[in-house]
Amino acid sequence: MHVFAKLVDVSPDGRAAMLLRGQSSVKTPGDGAQTVELYLGHTGYRVEDGHRLRLQIASIYFPLYVDLPCHG
């Protein structure tokens, strides 16, 4: 399984600009919750008045990342 995350700046009018993104692979999920570490990189960014930061988490990132099945 894969985990993808994006940190996004959302302006008051709803426009969104991606600031950072990262991904990680997770071994077969167990029966319970798992902790996953994602490296998003470093940045220096000033959040303007009225803007919000949004963290988007997903298990798919199409079309930038396509996980094709392996055929043995």
C-alpha atoms as a PDB file:
ATOM      1  CA  MET A   1       0.000   0.000   0.000  1.00  0.00           C
ATOM      2  CA  HIS A   2       1.171   3.542  -0.653  1.00  0.00           C
ATOM      3  CA  VAL A   3       0.502   6.739   1.260  1.00  0.00           C
ATOM      4  CA  PHE A   4       0.708  10.152  -0.403  1.00  0.00           C
ATOM      5  CA  ALA A   5       0.534  13.543   1.296  1.00  0.00           C
ATOM      6  CA  LYS A   6       0.388  17.113   0.033  1.00  0.00           C
ATOM      7  CA  LEU A   7       0.644  20.343   2.006  1.00  0.00           C
ATOM      8  CA  VAL A   8      -1.508  22.967   0.316  1.00  0.00           C
ATOM      9  CA  ASP A   9      -2.030  26.716   0.823  1.00  0.00           C
ATOM     10  CA  VAL A  10      -5.725  27.566   0.455  1.00  0.00           C
ATOM     11  CA  SER A  11      -6.614  31.211  -0.194  1.00  0.00           C
ATOM     12  CA  PRO A  12      -9.849  32.817   1.070  1.00  0.00           C
ATOM     13  CA  ASP A  13     -11.400  32.558  -2.422  1.00  0.00           C
ATOM     14  CA  GLY A  14     -10.780  28.780  -2.483  1.00  0.00           C
ATOM     15  CA  ARG A  15      -7.751  28.693  -4.775  1.00  0.00           C
ATOM     16  CA  ALA A  16      -5.204  26.115  -3.690  1.00  0.00           C
ATOM     17  CA  ALA A  17      -1.466  25.954  -4.314  1.00  0.00           C
ATOM     18  CA  MET A  18       0.584  22.859  -3.495  1.00  0.00           C
ATOM     19  CA  LEU A  19       3.611  23.634  -1.345  1.00  0.00           C
ATOM     20  CA  LEU A  20       5.120  20.203  -0.653  1.00  0.00           C
ATOM     21  CA  ARG A  21       4.410  16.557  -1.385  1.00  0.00           C
ATOM     22  CA  GLY A  22       5.736  13.219  -0.242  1.00  0.00           C
ATOM     23  CA  GLN A  23       5.048   9.525  -0.422  1.00  0.00           C
ATOM     24  CA  SER A  24       5.817   6.328   1.421  1.00  0.00           C
ATOM     25  CA  SER A  25       5.207   2.624   0.975  1.00  0.00           C
ATOM     26  CA  VAL A  26       3.567   0.690   3.777  1.00  0.00           C
ATOM     27  CA  LYS A  27       4.002  -3.026   4.201  1.00  0.00           C
ATOM     28  CA  THR A  28       0.863  -5.130   4.226  1.00  0.00           C
ATOM     29  CA  PRO A  29      -1.564  -3.356   6.558  1.00  0.00           C
ATOM     30  CA  GLY A  30      -2.160  -5.163   9.834  1.00  0.00           C
ATOM     31  CA  ASP A  31      -5.292  -5.418  11.890  1.00  0.00           C
ATOM     32  CA  GLY A  32      -4.692  -2.137  13.669  1.00  0.00           C
ATOM     33  CA  ALA A  33      -3.454   1.380  13.034  1.00  0.00           C
ATOM     34  CA  GLN A  34       0.072   1.979  11.807  1.00  0.00           C
ATOM     35  CA  THR A  35       2.337   4.980  12.083  1.00  0.00           C
ATOM     36  CA  VAL A  36       3.688   6.171   8.738  1.00  0.00           C
ATOM     37  CA  GLU A  37       6.455   8.737   8.315  1.00  0.00           C
ATOM     38  CA  LEU A  38       6.432  10.871   5.166  1.00  0.00           C
ATOM     39  CA  TYR A  39       9.244  13.204   4.202  1.00  0.00           C
ATOM     40  CA  LEU A  40       7.803  16.327   2.594  1.00  0.00           C
ATOM     41  CA  GLY A  41      11.064  18.204   2.263  1.00  0.00           C
ATOM     42  CA  HIS A  42      12.024  21.605   3.613  1.00  0.00           C
ATOM     43  CA  THR A  43      10.523  24.951   2.792  1.00  0.00           C
ATOM     44  CA  GLY A  44      10.337  28.504   3.955  1.00  0.00           C
ATOM     45  CA  TYR A  45       6.856  29.871   3.386  1.00  0.00           C
ATOM     46  CA  ARG A  46       4.792  32.713   4.809  1.00  0.00           C
ATOM     47  CA  VAL A  47       1.081  31.988   5.162  1.00  0.00           C
ATOM     48  CA  GLU A  48      -0.795  35.151   4.231  1.00  0.00           C
ATOM     49  CA  ASP A  49      -3.629  36.530   6.369  1.00  0.00           C
ATOM     50  CA  GLY A  50      -6.861  34.659   5.704  1.00  0.00           C
ATOM     51  CA  HIS A  51      -5.100  31.678   4.108  1.00  0.00           C
ATOM     52  CA  ARG A  52      -5.213  28.168   5.545  1.00  0.00           C
ATOM     53  CA  LEU A  53      -2.918  25.182   5.329  1.00  0.00           C
ATOM     54  CA  ARG A  54      -4.498  21.897   4.228  1.00  0.00           C
ATOM     55  CA  LEU A  55      -2.895  18.471   4.553  1.00  0.00           C
ATOM     56  CA  GLN A  56      -4.246  16.050   1.946  1.00  0.00           C
ATOM     57  CA  ILE A  57      -3.639  12.330   2.546  1.00  0.00           C
ATOM     58  CA  ALA A  58      -4.453   9.674  -0.053  1.00  0.00           C
ATOM     59  CA  SER A  59      -3.613   6.112  -1.017  1.00  0.00           C
ATOM     60  CA  ILE A  60      -3.492   6.883  -4.744  1.00  0.00           C
ATOM     61  CA  TYR A  61      -1.914   9.734  -6.740  1.00  0.00           C
ATOM     62  CA  PHE A  62      -3.142   9.239 -10.302  1.00  0.00           C
ATOM     63  CA  PRO A  63      -1.886  10.141 -12.891  1.00  0.00           C
ATOM     64  CA  LEU A  64       1.485  11.111 -11.370  1.00  0.00           C
ATOM     65  CA  TYR A  65       1.984   7.724  -9.764  1.00  0.00           C
ATOM     66  CA  VAL A  66       0.510   4.551 -11.262  1.00  0.00           C
ATOM     67  CA  ASP A  67       1.077   1.322  -9.382  1.00  0.00           C
ATOM     68  CA  LEU A  68       1.004  -1.325 -12.092  1.00  0.00           C
ATOM     69  CA  PRO A  69       0.528  -4.913 -10.993  1.00  0.00           C
ATOM     70  CA  CYS A  70       3.478  -7.252 -11.486  1.00  0.00           C
ATOM     71  CA  HIS A  71       2.858 -10.252 -13.683  1.00  0.00           C
ATOM     72  CA  GLY A  72       5.129 -13.153 -12.766  1.00  0.00           C
END
